[in-house]
């Protein structure tokens, strides 16, 4: 039971990083979003995964060469799938608003990313026929309810503070959010597909807490290709965007923006660094709950970060109470999942 508690605790740390990483990025000035995102991504998808693996692995090049091309391509393809979901994120926000968009996208990601891996491994029956599985699945359902409550409270906040979105389109927005959620689940599929890499790292003596991290080189590499292509194509073809102009600022501006963007990128990477720690403490046969914990706690932490940053100042008490109720529901869901794992 103590291992399960530790696992949930590390998932909370990772999810808090996920909920907070955009705060420094929002403070970047005089740079296009594309340049900012590319700089942040260099740290989160390239520099840190490779740097950490260079430290962990006794022979970096031989480790990946020994994994076989089919495995590497599969893991990279799922990483690229996540990349597609990542770049479609902005359109979801455009037509649904941030809170509803995040809520629907994460709700879909939570369900798809949690249920598909055990189904792929022939463990679907276990989810609905064992006491442990039933309690855990009830936790997934409760988490979805909590995500919906928090998201609706966030939508009410946006309406009250900013007015209705000029491009608010429920039909198109929901379609984009569902597609975003499905493609974003690629990260869960990639982590699941990369299990042989984690096993190989353990065989080389890598601490189990860190054994999943070498696979991030391939997972995030696949996502990086999609994200960088999106950013640099837009910088090249859209007249109002210019990488040269962004980098032609004064030294102080460039230094400040680079520091903010890199901080956001480092925080983004740390969410999955601690995700690996959380997953290492969850029993292997219940590994499917890791994604559910990460996604639901991400929404919970997002609400708490918003409160801490004063984003809910001036919002009606009814909406604030709804946010708090949704947070409590997600906490209850995490506890249900913990009970389900302990009941095994």
C-alpha atoms as a PDB file:
ATOM      1  CA  UNK A   1       0.000   0.000   0.000  1.00  0.00           C
ATOM      2  CA  UNK A   2       2.871   2.407   0.789  1.00  0.00           C
ATOM      3  CA  UNK A   3       4.169   1.887  -2.753  1.00  0.00           C
ATOM      4  CA  UNK A   4       0.760   2.826  -4.192  1.00  0.00           C
ATOM      5  CA  UNK A   5       0.645   5.975  -2.049  1.00  0.00           C
ATOM      6  CA  UNK A   6       4.132   6.897  -3.228  1.00  0.00           C
ATOM      7  CA  UNK A   7       3.092   6.300  -6.834  1.00  0.00           C
ATOM      8  CA  UNK A   8       0.077   8.598  -6.527  1.00  0.00           C
ATOM      9  CA  UNK A   9       2.271  11.170  -4.790  1.00  0.00           C
ATOM     10  CA  UNK A  10       4.794  11.248  -7.643  1.00  0.00           C
ATOM     11  CA  UNK A  11       1.954  11.484 -10.142  1.00  0.00           C
ATOM     12  CA  UNK A  12       0.757  14.557  -8.255  1.00  0.00           C
ATOM     13  CA  UNK A  13       4.229  16.110  -8.568  1.00  0.00           C
ATOM     14  CA  UNK A  14       4.348  15.343 -12.290  1.00  0.00           C
ATOM     15  CA  UNK A  15       0.822  16.609 -12.930  1.00  0.00           C
ATOM     16  CA  UNK A  16       1.573  19.838 -11.059  1.00  0.00           C
ATOM     17  CA  UNK A  17       4.471  20.421 -13.467  1.00  0.00           C
ATOM     18  CA  UNK A  18       2.128  19.786 -16.396  1.00  0.00           C
ATOM     19  CA  UNK A  19      -0.406  22.242 -15.006  1.00  0.00           C
ATOM     20  CA  UNK A  20       2.213  24.951 -14.422  1.00  0.00           C
ATOM     21  CA  UNK A  21       4.630  24.685 -17.359  1.00  0.00           C
ATOM     22  CA  UNK A  22       2.820  27.240 -19.519  1.00  0.00           C
ATOM     23  CA  UNK A  23       3.013  30.002 -16.884  1.00  0.00           C
ATOM     24  CA  UNK A  24       6.594  31.083 -17.780  1.00  0.00           C
ATOM     25  CA  UNK A  25       5.877  30.662 -21.513  1.00  0.00           C
ATOM     26  CA  UNK A  26       2.967  33.114 -21.243  1.00  0.00           C
ATOM     27  CA  UNK A  27       5.394  35.770 -19.989  1.00  0.00           C
ATOM     28  CA  UNK A  28       7.501  35.712 -23.167  1.00  0.00           C
ATOM     29  CA  UNK A  29       7.269  39.037 -25.027  1.00  0.00           C
ATOM     30  CA  UNK A  30       8.195  40.151 -28.577  1.00  0.00           C
ATOM     31  CA  UNK A  31       8.533  36.572 -29.807  1.00  0.00           C
ATOM     32  CA  UNK A  32       6.035  34.644 -31.898  1.00  0.00           C
ATOM     33  CA  UNK A  33       4.361  31.682 -30.242  1.00  0.00           C
ATOM     34  CA  UNK A  34       6.078  29.399 -32.779  1.00  0.00           C
ATOM     35  CA  UNK A  35       9.583  30.547 -31.824  1.00  0.00           C
ATOM     36  CA  UNK A  36       8.765  30.306 -28.130  1.00  0.00           C
ATOM     37  CA  UNK A  37       7.306  26.812 -28.513  1.00  0.00           C
ATOM     38  CA  UNK A  38      10.308  25.614 -30.521  1.00  0.00           C
ATOM     39  CA  UNK A  39      12.780  26.871 -27.906  1.00  0.00           C
ATOM     40  CA  UNK A  40      10.776  25.284 -25.086  1.00  0.00           C
ATOM     41  CA  UNK A  41      10.490  22.094 -27.106  1.00  0.00           C
ATOM     42  CA  UNK A  42      14.231  21.898 -27.708  1.00  0.00           C
ATOM     43  CA  UNK A  43      14.682  21.549 -23.944  1.00  0.00           C
ATOM     44  CA  UNK A  44      11.699  19.279 -23.274  1.00  0.00           C
ATOM     45  CA  UNK A  45      11.792  16.966 -26.319  1.00  0.00           C
ATOM     46  CA  UNK A  46      15.480  16.899 -27.258  1.00  0.00           C
ATOM     47  CA  UNK A  47      18.041  18.190 -24.766  1.00  0.00           C
ATOM     48  CA  UNK A  48      16.689  16.760 -21.505  1.00  0.00           C
ATOM     49  CA  UNK A  49      15.635  13.295 -22.749  1.00  0.00           C
ATOM     50  CA  UNK A  50      18.997  12.788 -24.463  1.00  0.00           C
ATOM     51  CA  UNK A  51      20.986  14.321 -21.600  1.00  0.00           C
ATOM     52  CA  UNK A  52      19.296  12.168 -18.952  1.00  0.00           C
ATOM     53  CA  UNK A  53      19.774   9.007 -21.022  1.00  0.00           C
ATOM     54  CA  UNK A  54      23.444   9.792 -21.591  1.00  0.00           C
ATOM     55  CA  UNK A  55      23.857   9.852 -17.808  1.00  0.00           C
ATOM     56  CA  UNK A  56      21.792   6.704 -17.160  1.00  0.00           C
ATOM     57  CA  UNK A  57      22.999   4.361 -19.898  1.00  0.00           C
ATOM     58  CA  UNK A  58      26.473   2.801 -19.892  1.00  0.00           C
ATOM     59  CA  UNK A  59      26.533   2.917 -23.714  1.00  0.00           C
ATOM     60  CA  UNK A  60      23.979   5.296 -25.216  1.00  0.00           C
ATOM     61  CA  UNK A  61      24.391   4.319 -28.893  1.00  0.00           C
ATOM     62  CA  UNK A  62      24.505   0.546 -28.337  1.00  0.00           C
ATOM     63  CA  UNK A  63      21.386   0.622 -26.164  1.00  0.00           C
ATOM     64  CA  UNK A  64      19.174   2.031 -28.926  1.00  0.00           C
ATOM     65  CA  UNK A  65      20.839  -0.041 -31.645  1.00  0.00           C
ATOM     66  CA  UNK A  66      20.013  -3.196 -29.663  1.00  0.00           C
ATOM     67  CA  UNK A  67      16.283  -2.388 -29.457  1.00  0.00           C
ATOM     68  CA  UNK A  68      15.547  -3.225 -33.077  1.00  0.00           C
ATOM     69  CA  UNK A  69      14.098  -1.002 -35.784  1.00  0.00           C
ATOM     70  CA  UNK A  70      10.451  -2.222 -35.502  1.00  0.00           C
ATOM     71  CA  UNK A  71      10.252  -1.301 -31.804  1.00  0.00           C
ATOM     72  CA  UNK A  72      11.916   2.077 -32.300  1.00  0.00           C
ATOM     73  CA  UNK A  73       9.627   2.940 -35.221  1.00  0.00           C
ATOM     74  CA  UNK A  74       6.507   1.888 -33.301  1.00  0.00           C
ATOM     75  CA  UNK A  75       7.423   3.973 -30.256  1.00  0.00           C
ATOM     76  CA  UNK A  76       8.391   6.953 -32.441  1.00  0.00           C
ATOM     77  CA  UNK A  77       5.134   6.656 -34.428  1.00  0.00           C
ATOM     78  CA  UNK A  78       3.064   6.816 -31.239  1.00  0.00           C
ATOM     79  CA  UNK A  79       5.169   9.789 -30.174  1.00  0.00           C
ATOM     80  CA  UNK A  80       4.367  11.457 -33.500  1.00  0.00           C
ATOM     81  CA  UNK A  81       0.688  10.667 -32.908  1.00  0.00           C
ATOM     82  CA  UNK A  82       0.935  12.583 -29.646  1.00  0.00           C
ATOM     83  CA  UNK A  83       2.639  15.386 -31.588  1.00  0.00           C
ATOM     84  CA  UNK A  84      -0.382  15.702 -33.898  1.00  0.00           C
ATOM     85  CA  UNK A  85      -2.665  15.984 -30.871  1.00  0.00           C
ATOM     86  CA  UNK A  86      -0.354  18.581 -29.372  1.00  0.00           C
ATOM     87  CA  UNK A  87      -0.399  20.904 -32.390  1.00  0.00           C
ATOM     88  CA  UNK A  88      -4.204  20.612 -32.737  1.00  0.00           C
ATOM     89  CA  UNK A  89      -4.586  21.760 -29.135  1.00  0.00           C
ATOM     90  CA  UNK A  90      -4.701  25.441 -30.075  1.00  0.00           C
ATOM     91  CA  UNK A  91      -7.629  25.031 -32.464  1.00  0.00           C
ATOM     92  CA  UNK A  92      -9.605  23.297 -29.726  1.00  0.00           C
ATOM     93  CA  UNK A  93      -9.061  26.288 -27.437  1.00  0.00           C
ATOM     94  CA  UNK A  94     -10.040  28.644 -30.259  1.00  0.00           C
ATOM     95  CA  UNK A  95     -13.520  27.206 -30.736  1.00  0.00           C
ATOM     96  CA  UNK A  96     -14.391  25.957 -27.231  1.00  0.00           C
ATOM     97  CA  UNK A  97     -12.356  28.168 -24.932  1.00  0.00           C
ATOM     98  CA  UNK A  98      -9.548  26.958 -22.703  1.00  0.00           C
ATOM     99  CA  UNK A  99     -11.536  25.299 -19.917  1.00  0.00           C
ATOM    100  CA  UNK A 100     -14.065  23.427 -22.040  1.00  0.00           C
ATOM    101  CA  UNK A 101     -11.419  22.572 -24.619  1.00  0.00           C
ATOM    102  CA  UNK A 102      -9.018  21.184 -22.042  1.00  0.00           C
ATOM    103  CA  UNK A 103     -11.846  19.368 -20.267  1.00  0.00           C
ATOM    104  CA  UNK A 104     -13.148  17.546 -23.343  1.00  0.00           C
ATOM    105  CA  UNK A 105      -9.687  16.815 -24.768  1.00  0.00           C
ATOM    106  CA  UNK A 106      -8.348  15.498 -21.459  1.00  0.00           C
ATOM    107  CA  UNK A 107     -11.545  13.541 -20.820  1.00  0.00           C
ATOM    108  CA  UNK A 108     -11.146  11.740 -24.159  1.00  0.00           C
ATOM    109  CA  UNK A 109      -7.404  11.276 -23.599  1.00  0.00           C
ATOM    110  CA  UNK A 110      -8.062   9.906 -20.120  1.00  0.00           C
ATOM    111  CA  UNK A 111     -10.516   7.276 -21.377  1.00  0.00           C
ATOM    112  CA  UNK A 112      -8.685   6.271 -24.568  1.00  0.00           C
ATOM    113  CA  UNK A 113      -5.220   6.333 -23.013  1.00  0.00           C
ATOM    114  CA  UNK A 114      -6.378   4.330 -19.984  1.00  0.00           C
ATOM    115  CA  UNK A 115      -8.494   1.649 -21.660  1.00  0.00           C
ATOM    116  CA  UNK A 116      -6.735   0.925 -24.966  1.00  0.00           C
ATOM    117  CA  UNK A 117      -3.400  -0.423 -23.562  1.00  0.00           C
ATOM    118  CA  UNK A 118      -5.017  -3.167 -21.404  1.00  0.00           C
ATOM    119  CA  UNK A 119      -7.370  -4.036 -24.284  1.00  0.00           C
ATOM    120  CA  UNK A 120      -4.333  -4.390 -26.588  1.00  0.00           C
ATOM    121  CA  UNK A 121      -2.778  -6.782 -24.058  1.00  0.00           C
ATOM    122  CA  UNK A 122      -5.928  -8.904 -23.723  1.00  0.00           C
ATOM    123  CA  UNK A 123      -6.651  -7.668 -20.190  1.00  0.00           C
ATOM    124  CA  UNK A 124     -10.047  -6.071 -20.891  1.00  0.00           C
ATOM    125  CA  UNK A 125     -11.958  -8.723 -18.946  1.00  0.00           C
ATOM    126  CA  UNK A 126      -9.897  -8.007 -15.827  1.00  0.00           C
ATOM    127  CA  UNK A 127     -11.186  -4.423 -15.810  1.00  0.00           C
ATOM    128  CA  UNK A 128     -14.788  -5.520 -15.380  1.00  0.00           C
ATOM    129  CA  UNK A 129     -14.681  -8.963 -13.747  1.00  0.00           C
ATOM    130  CA  UNK A 130     -12.321  -8.541 -10.776  1.00  0.00           C
ATOM    131  CA  UNK A 131     -12.949  -6.558  -7.614  1.00  0.00           C
ATOM    132  CA  UNK A 132      -9.771  -4.582  -8.153  1.00  0.00           C
ATOM    133  CA  UNK A 133     -10.708  -3.798 -11.760  1.00  0.00           C
ATOM    134  CA  UNK A 134     -14.246  -2.723 -10.906  1.00  0.00           C
ATOM    135  CA  UNK A 135     -13.104  -0.370  -8.142  1.00  0.00           C
ATOM    136  CA  UNK A 136     -10.429   1.073 -10.399  1.00  0.00           C
ATOM    137  CA  UNK A 137     -12.862   1.558 -13.288  1.00  0.00           C
ATOM    138  CA  UNK A 138     -15.282   3.300 -10.950  1.00  0.00           C
ATOM    139  CA  UNK A 139     -12.390   5.640 -10.155  1.00  0.00           C
ATOM    140  CA  UNK A 140     -11.981   6.349 -13.887  1.00  0.00           C
ATOM    141  CA  UNK A 141     -15.711   7.156 -14.156  1.00  0.00           C
ATOM    142  CA  UNK A 142     -15.612   9.432 -11.106  1.00  0.00           C
ATOM    143  CA  UNK A 143     -12.520  11.147 -12.529  1.00  0.00           C
ATOM    144  CA  UNK A 144     -14.417  11.899 -15.749  1.00  0.00           C
ATOM    145  CA  UNK A 145     -17.229  13.435 -13.718  1.00  0.00           C
ATOM    146  CA  UNK A 146     -14.706  15.566 -11.839  1.00  0.00           C
ATOM    147  CA  UNK A 147     -13.036  16.694 -15.076  1.00  0.00           C
ATOM    148  CA  UNK A 148     -16.449  17.669 -16.476  1.00  0.00           C
ATOM    149  CA  UNK A 149     -17.336  19.692 -13.354  1.00  0.00           C
ATOM    150  CA  UNK A 150     -14.002  21.541 -13.274  1.00  0.00           C
ATOM    151  CA  UNK A 151     -14.192  22.219 -17.018  1.00  0.00           C
ATOM    152  CA  UNK A 152     -17.708  23.631 -16.831  1.00  0.00           C
ATOM    153  CA  UNK A 153     -16.743  25.827 -13.890  1.00  0.00           C
ATOM    154  CA  UNK A 154     -13.790  27.071 -15.951  1.00  0.00           C
ATOM    155  CA  UNK A 155     -16.070  27.820 -18.886  1.00  0.00           C
ATOM    156  CA  UNK A 156     -18.340  29.874 -16.622  1.00  0.00           C
ATOM    157  CA  UNK A 157     -15.284  31.779 -15.391  1.00  0.00           C
ATOM    158  CA  UNK A 158     -14.240  32.606 -18.936  1.00  0.00           C
ATOM    159  CA  UNK A 159     -17.734  33.842 -19.808  1.00  0.00           C
ATOM    160  CA  UNK A 160     -17.976  35.970 -16.662  1.00  0.00           C
ATOM    161  CA  UNK A 161     -14.533  37.559 -16.979  1.00  0.00           C
ATOM    162  CA  UNK A 162     -14.097  37.884 -20.733  1.00  0.00           C
ATOM    163  CA  UNK A 163     -17.492  37.500 -22.355  1.00  0.00           C
ATOM    164  CA  UNK A 164     -18.395  34.873 -24.951  1.00  0.00           C
ATOM    165  CA  UNK A 165     -15.726  33.733 -27.371  1.00  0.00           C
ATOM    166  CA  UNK A 166     -16.101  35.442 -30.729  1.00  0.00           C
ATOM    167  CA  UNK A 167     -15.438  32.154 -32.522  1.00  0.00           C
ATOM    168  CA  UNK A 168     -17.271  29.882 -30.071  1.00  0.00           C
ATOM    169  CA  UNK A 169     -18.480  26.892 -32.103  1.00  0.00           C
ATOM    170  CA  UNK A 170     -19.703  23.909 -30.085  1.00  0.00           C
ATOM    171  CA  UNK A 171     -19.950  21.449 -32.995  1.00  0.00           C
ATOM    172  CA  UNK A 172     -16.560  22.180 -34.539  1.00  0.00           C
ATOM    173  CA  UNK A 173     -14.939  22.665 -31.150  1.00  0.00           C
ATOM    174  CA  UNK A 174     -16.156  19.311 -29.816  1.00  0.00           C
ATOM    175  CA  UNK A 175     -14.988  17.529 -32.979  1.00  0.00           C
ATOM    176  CA  UNK A 176     -11.530  19.084 -32.682  1.00  0.00           C
ATOM    177  CA  UNK A 177     -11.375  18.358 -28.942  1.00  0.00           C
ATOM    178  CA  UNK A 178     -12.230  14.695 -29.481  1.00  0.00           C
ATOM    179  CA  UNK A 179      -9.622  14.374 -32.253  1.00  0.00           C
ATOM    180  CA  UNK A 180      -7.082  16.198 -30.064  1.00  0.00           C
ATOM    181  CA  UNK A 181      -7.867  13.849 -27.181  1.00  0.00           C
ATOM    182  CA  UNK A 182      -7.503  10.717 -29.331  1.00  0.00           C
ATOM    183  CA  UNK A 183      -4.198  11.783 -30.878  1.00  0.00           C
ATOM    184  CA  UNK A 184      -2.844  13.033 -27.534  1.00  0.00           C
ATOM    185  CA  UNK A 185      -3.398   9.518 -26.194  1.00  0.00           C
ATOM    186  CA  UNK A 186      -0.431   8.567 -28.366  1.00  0.00           C
ATOM    187  CA  UNK A 187       1.800   9.407 -25.403  1.00  0.00           C
ATOM    188  CA  UNK A 188       0.081   6.706 -23.343  1.00  0.00           C
ATOM    189  CA  UNK A 189       0.366   4.213 -26.224  1.00  0.00           C
ATOM    190  CA  UNK A 190       4.045   5.105 -26.701  1.00  0.00           C
ATOM    191  CA  UNK A 191       4.858   4.581 -23.022  1.00  0.00           C
ATOM    192  CA  UNK A 192       3.055   1.226 -23.151  1.00  0.00           C
ATOM    193  CA  UNK A 193       4.811   0.144 -26.373  1.00  0.00           C
ATOM    194  CA  UNK A 194       8.193   1.136 -24.908  1.00  0.00           C
ATOM    195  CA  UNK A 195       7.988  -1.423 -22.070  1.00  0.00           C
ATOM    196  CA  UNK A 196      10.713  -3.606 -23.670  1.00  0.00           C
ATOM    197  CA  UNK A 197      13.057  -0.613 -23.580  1.00  0.00           C
ATOM    198  CA  UNK A 198      12.326  -0.139 -19.884  1.00  0.00           C
ATOM    199  CA  UNK A 199      13.038  -3.829 -19.253  1.00  0.00           C
ATOM    200  CA  UNK A 200      16.311  -3.570 -21.168  1.00  0.00           C
ATOM    201  CA  UNK A 201      17.351  -0.535 -19.119  1.00  0.00           C
ATOM    202  CA  UNK A 202      16.698  -2.435 -15.881  1.00  0.00           C
ATOM    203  CA  UNK A 203      18.792  -5.333 -17.187  1.00  0.00           C
ATOM    204  CA  UNK A 204      21.684  -2.897 -17.565  1.00  0.00           C
ATOM    205  CA  UNK A 205      21.377  -1.950 -13.897  1.00  0.00           C
ATOM    206  CA  UNK A 206      19.388   1.290 -14.284  1.00  0.00           C
ATOM    207  CA  UNK A 207      17.367   2.046 -11.152  1.00  0.00           C
ATOM    208  CA  UNK A 208      13.671   1.101 -11.708  1.00  0.00           C
ATOM    209  CA  UNK A 209      12.695   4.698 -10.890  1.00  0.00           C
ATOM    210  CA  UNK A 210      14.642   5.850 -13.960  1.00  0.00           C
ATOM    211  CA  UNK A 211      14.300   2.818 -16.233  1.00  0.00           C
ATOM    212  CA  UNK A 212      11.486   4.328 -18.349  1.00  0.00           C
ATOM    213  CA  UNK A 213      13.402   7.532 -19.067  1.00  0.00           C
ATOM    214  CA  UNK A 214      15.611   6.217 -21.936  1.00  0.00           C
ATOM    215  CA  UNK A 215      12.444   5.486 -23.938  1.00  0.00           C
ATOM    216  CA  UNK A 216      11.574   9.202 -23.824  1.00  0.00           C
ATOM    217  CA  UNK A 217      14.375   9.884 -26.313  1.00  0.00           C
ATOM    218  CA  UNK A 218      12.357   8.012 -28.957  1.00  0.00           C
ATOM    219  CA  UNK A 219       8.860   8.961 -27.763  1.00  0.00           C
ATOM    220  CA  UNK A 220       9.544  12.678 -27.553  1.00  0.00           C
ATOM    221  CA  UNK A 221      11.715  12.541 -30.647  1.00  0.00           C
ATOM    222  CA  UNK A 222       8.686  11.397 -32.628  1.00  0.00           C
ATOM    223  CA  UNK A 223       6.587  14.198 -31.165  1.00  0.00           C
ATOM    224  CA  UNK A 224       9.366  16.729 -31.726  1.00  0.00           C
ATOM    225  CA  UNK A 225       9.390  16.059 -35.485  1.00  0.00           C
ATOM    226  CA  UNK A 226       5.710  17.013 -35.741  1.00  0.00           C
ATOM    227  CA  UNK A 227       5.952  20.024 -33.427  1.00  0.00           C
ATOM    228  CA  UNK A 228       9.117  21.462 -34.981  1.00  0.00           C
ATOM    229  CA  UNK A 229       7.743  20.950 -38.488  1.00  0.00           C
ATOM    230  CA  UNK A 230       4.572  22.821 -37.530  1.00  0.00           C
ATOM    231  CA  UNK A 231       6.483  25.719 -35.956  1.00  0.00           C
ATOM    232  CA  UNK A 232       9.129  26.174 -38.639  1.00  0.00           C
ATOM    233  CA  UNK A 233       6.744  25.768 -41.571  1.00  0.00           C
ATOM    234  CA  UNK A 234       4.532  28.491 -40.118  1.00  0.00           C
ATOM    235  CA  UNK A 235       7.576  30.711 -39.500  1.00  0.00           C
ATOM    236  CA  UNK A 236       8.617  30.209 -43.121  1.00  0.00           C
ATOM    237  CA  UNK A 237       5.302  30.704 -44.921  1.00  0.00           C
ATOM    238  CA  UNK A 238       3.293  33.204 -42.837  1.00  0.00           C
ATOM    239  CA  UNK A 239       4.445  36.776 -43.607  1.00  0.00           C
ATOM    240  CA  UNK A 240       3.663  38.220 -40.169  1.00  0.00           C
ATOM    241  CA  UNK A 241       5.871  35.580 -38.514  1.00  0.00           C
ATOM    242  CA  UNK A 242       9.643  35.776 -38.707  1.00  0.00           C
ATOM    243  CA  UNK A 243      12.252  33.787 -36.814  1.00  0.00           C
ATOM    244  CA  UNK A 244      14.880  36.334 -37.872  1.00  0.00           C
ATOM    245  CA  UNK A 245      12.825  39.192 -36.392  1.00  0.00           C
ATOM    246  CA  UNK A 246      12.279  37.241 -33.170  1.00  0.00           C
ATOM    247  CA  UNK A 247      16.013  36.683 -32.785  1.00  0.00           C
ATOM    248  CA  UNK A 248      16.892  40.234 -33.793  1.00  0.00           C
ATOM    249  CA  UNK A 249      15.765  41.661 -30.458  1.00  0.00           C
ATOM    250  CA  UNK A 250      18.112  43.265 -27.961  1.00  0.00           C
ATOM    251  CA  UNK A 251      20.249  40.958 -25.850  1.00  0.00           C
ATOM    252  CA  UNK A 252      18.225  41.450 -22.658  1.00  0.00           C
ATOM    253  CA  UNK A 253      14.964  40.505 -24.372  1.00  0.00           C
ATOM    254  CA  UNK A 254      16.477  37.433 -26.001  1.00  0.00           C
ATOM    255  CA  UNK A 255      18.027  36.287 -22.713  1.00  0.00           C
ATOM    256  CA  UNK A 256      14.796  36.783 -20.774  1.00  0.00           C
ATOM    257  CA  UNK A 257      12.646  35.071 -23.392  1.00  0.00           C
ATOM    258  CA  UNK A 258      15.075  32.165 -23.731  1.00  0.00           C
ATOM    259  CA  UNK A 259      15.129  31.721 -19.947  1.00  0.00           C
ATOM    260  CA  UNK A 260      11.322  31.753 -19.714  1.00  0.00           C
ATOM    261  CA  UNK A 261      10.816  29.409 -22.663  1.00  0.00           C
ATOM    262  CA  UNK A 262      13.477  26.969 -21.466  1.00  0.00           C
ATOM    263  CA  UNK A 263      11.999  26.986 -17.953  1.00  0.00           C
ATOM    264  CA  UNK A 264       8.620  26.058 -19.398  1.00  0.00           C
ATOM    265  CA  UNK A 265      10.228  23.327 -21.471  1.00  0.00           C
ATOM    266  CA  UNK A 266      12.089  21.897 -18.481  1.00  0.00           C
ATOM    267  CA  UNK A 267       8.872  21.846 -16.445  1.00  0.00           C
ATOM    268  CA  UNK A 268       7.065  20.073 -19.282  1.00  0.00           C
ATOM    269  CA  UNK A 269       9.748  17.359 -19.336  1.00  0.00           C
ATOM    270  CA  UNK A 270       9.611  16.995 -15.557  1.00  0.00           C
ATOM    271  CA  UNK A 271       5.953  16.000 -15.711  1.00  0.00           C
ATOM    272  CA  UNK A 272       6.975  12.758 -17.428  1.00  0.00           C
ATOM    273  CA  UNK A 273      10.149  12.412 -15.368  1.00  0.00           C
ATOM    274  CA  UNK A 274       7.962  12.142 -12.272  1.00  0.00           C
ATOM    275  CA  UNK A 275       5.349  10.178 -14.223  1.00  0.00           C
ATOM    276  CA  UNK A 276       8.056   7.509 -14.582  1.00  0.00           C
ATOM    277  CA  UNK A 277       8.648   7.598 -10.827  1.00  0.00           C
ATOM    278  CA  UNK A 278       4.926   7.255 -10.158  1.00  0.00           C
ATOM    279  CA  UNK A 279       4.569   4.387 -12.633  1.00  0.00           C
ATOM    280  CA  UNK A 280       7.544   2.576 -11.066  1.00  0.00           C
ATOM    281  CA  UNK A 281       5.603   2.389  -7.782  1.00  0.00           C
ATOM    282  CA  UNK A 282       2.362   1.094  -9.338  1.00  0.00           C
ATOM    283  CA  UNK A 283       2.063  -2.723  -9.748  1.00  0.00           C
ATOM    284  CA  UNK A 284       2.866  -3.712 -13.336  1.00  0.00           C
ATOM    285  CA  UNK A 285      -0.455  -5.474 -13.979  1.00  0.00           C
ATOM    286  CA  UNK A 286      -2.250  -2.251 -13.023  1.00  0.00           C
ATOM    287  CA  UNK A 287      -0.061   0.017 -15.138  1.00  0.00           C
ATOM    288  CA  UNK A 288      -3.101   1.231 -17.089  1.00  0.00           C
ATOM    289  CA  UNK A 289      -4.118   3.445 -14.132  1.00  0.00           C
ATOM    290  CA  UNK A 290      -0.994   5.602 -14.491  1.00  0.00           C
ATOM    291  CA  UNK A 291      -2.407   7.570 -17.407  1.00  0.00           C
ATOM    292  CA  UNK A 292      -5.753   8.076 -15.655  1.00  0.00           C
ATOM    293  CA  UNK A 293      -3.988   9.380 -12.550  1.00  0.00           C
ATOM    294  CA  UNK A 294      -1.797  11.739 -14.553  1.00  0.00           C
ATOM    295  CA  UNK A 295      -4.638  13.209 -16.623  1.00  0.00           C
ATOM    296  CA  UNK A 296      -7.152  13.644 -13.801  1.00  0.00           C
ATOM    297  CA  UNK A 297      -4.602  15.095 -11.358  1.00  0.00           C
ATOM    298  CA  UNK A 298      -3.453  17.402 -14.177  1.00  0.00           C
ATOM    299  CA  UNK A 299      -6.951  18.938 -14.265  1.00  0.00           C
ATOM    300  CA  UNK A 300      -7.008  19.104 -10.466  1.00  0.00           C
ATOM    301  CA  UNK A 301      -3.649  20.890 -10.337  1.00  0.00           C
ATOM    302  CA  UNK A 302      -4.710  23.191 -13.160  1.00  0.00           C
ATOM    303  CA  UNK A 303      -7.634  24.364 -11.034  1.00  0.00           C
ATOM    304  CA  UNK A 304      -5.433  24.853  -7.998  1.00  0.00           C
ATOM    305  CA  UNK A 305      -2.804  26.758 -10.000  1.00  0.00           C
ATOM    306  CA  UNK A 306      -5.542  29.016 -11.373  1.00  0.00           C
ATOM    307  CA  UNK A 307      -6.719  29.742  -7.848  1.00  0.00           C
ATOM    308  CA  UNK A 308      -3.173  30.431  -6.650  1.00  0.00           C
ATOM    309  CA  UNK A 309      -2.518  32.840  -9.531  1.00  0.00           C
ATOM    310  CA  UNK A 310      -5.702  34.787  -8.809  1.00  0.00           C
ATOM    311  CA  UNK A 311      -7.393  33.788 -12.069  1.00  0.00           C
ATOM    312  CA  UNK A 312     -10.700  33.263 -10.249  1.00  0.00           C
ATOM    313  CA  UNK A 313     -10.839  36.722  -8.660  1.00  0.00           C
ATOM    314  CA  UNK A 314     -14.166  38.355  -9.433  1.00  0.00           C
ATOM    315  CA  UNK A 315     -15.876  35.099 -10.419  1.00  0.00           C
ATOM    316  CA  UNK A 316     -19.274  34.328  -8.902  1.00  0.00           C
ATOM    317  CA  UNK A 317     -19.232  32.204  -5.765  1.00  0.00           C
ATOM    318  CA  UNK A 318     -21.422  29.576  -7.417  1.00  0.00           C
ATOM    319  CA  UNK A 319     -18.787  28.940 -10.097  1.00  0.00           C
ATOM    320  CA  UNK A 320     -16.009  28.899  -7.500  1.00  0.00           C
ATOM    321  CA  UNK A 321     -17.937  26.364  -5.428  1.00  0.00           C
ATOM    322  CA  UNK A 322     -18.373  24.245  -8.565  1.00  0.00           C
ATOM    323  CA  UNK A 323     -14.595  24.316  -9.136  1.00  0.00           C
ATOM    324  CA  UNK A 324     -13.923  23.230  -5.557  1.00  0.00           C
ATOM    325  CA  UNK A 325     -16.542  20.469  -5.851  1.00  0.00           C
ATOM    326  CA  UNK A 326     -14.902  19.209  -9.061  1.00  0.00           C
ATOM    327  CA  UNK A 327     -11.486  19.204  -7.396  1.00  0.00           C
ATOM    328  CA  UNK A 328     -12.892  17.172  -4.502  1.00  0.00           C
ATOM    329  CA  UNK A 329     -14.449  14.684  -6.937  1.00  0.00           C
ATOM    330  CA  UNK A 330     -11.082  14.183  -8.686  1.00  0.00           C
ATOM    331  CA  UNK A 331      -9.392  13.657  -5.307  1.00  0.00           C
ATOM    332  CA  UNK A 332     -12.055  11.040  -4.525  1.00  0.00           C
ATOM    333  CA  UNK A 333     -11.353   9.386  -7.891  1.00  0.00           C
ATOM    334  CA  UNK A 334      -7.633   9.145  -7.136  1.00  0.00           C
ATOM    335  CA  UNK A 335      -8.475   7.537  -3.792  1.00  0.00           C
ATOM    336  CA  UNK A 336     -10.796   5.047  -5.506  1.00  0.00           C
ATOM    337  CA  UNK A 337      -8.033   4.052  -7.894  1.00  0.00           C
ATOM    338  CA  UNK A 338      -5.719   3.610  -4.911  1.00  0.00           C
ATOM    339  CA  UNK A 339      -8.295   1.383  -3.197  1.00  0.00           C
ATOM    340  CA  UNK A 340      -8.693  -0.617  -6.386  1.00  0.00           C
ATOM    341  CA  UNK A 341      -4.961  -1.261  -6.582  1.00  0.00           C
ATOM    342  CA  UNK A 342      -4.806  -2.161  -2.882  1.00  0.00           C
ATOM    343  CA  UNK A 343      -7.737  -4.583  -3.296  1.00  0.00           C
ATOM    344  CA  UNK A 344      -5.811  -6.669  -5.792  1.00  0.00           C
END
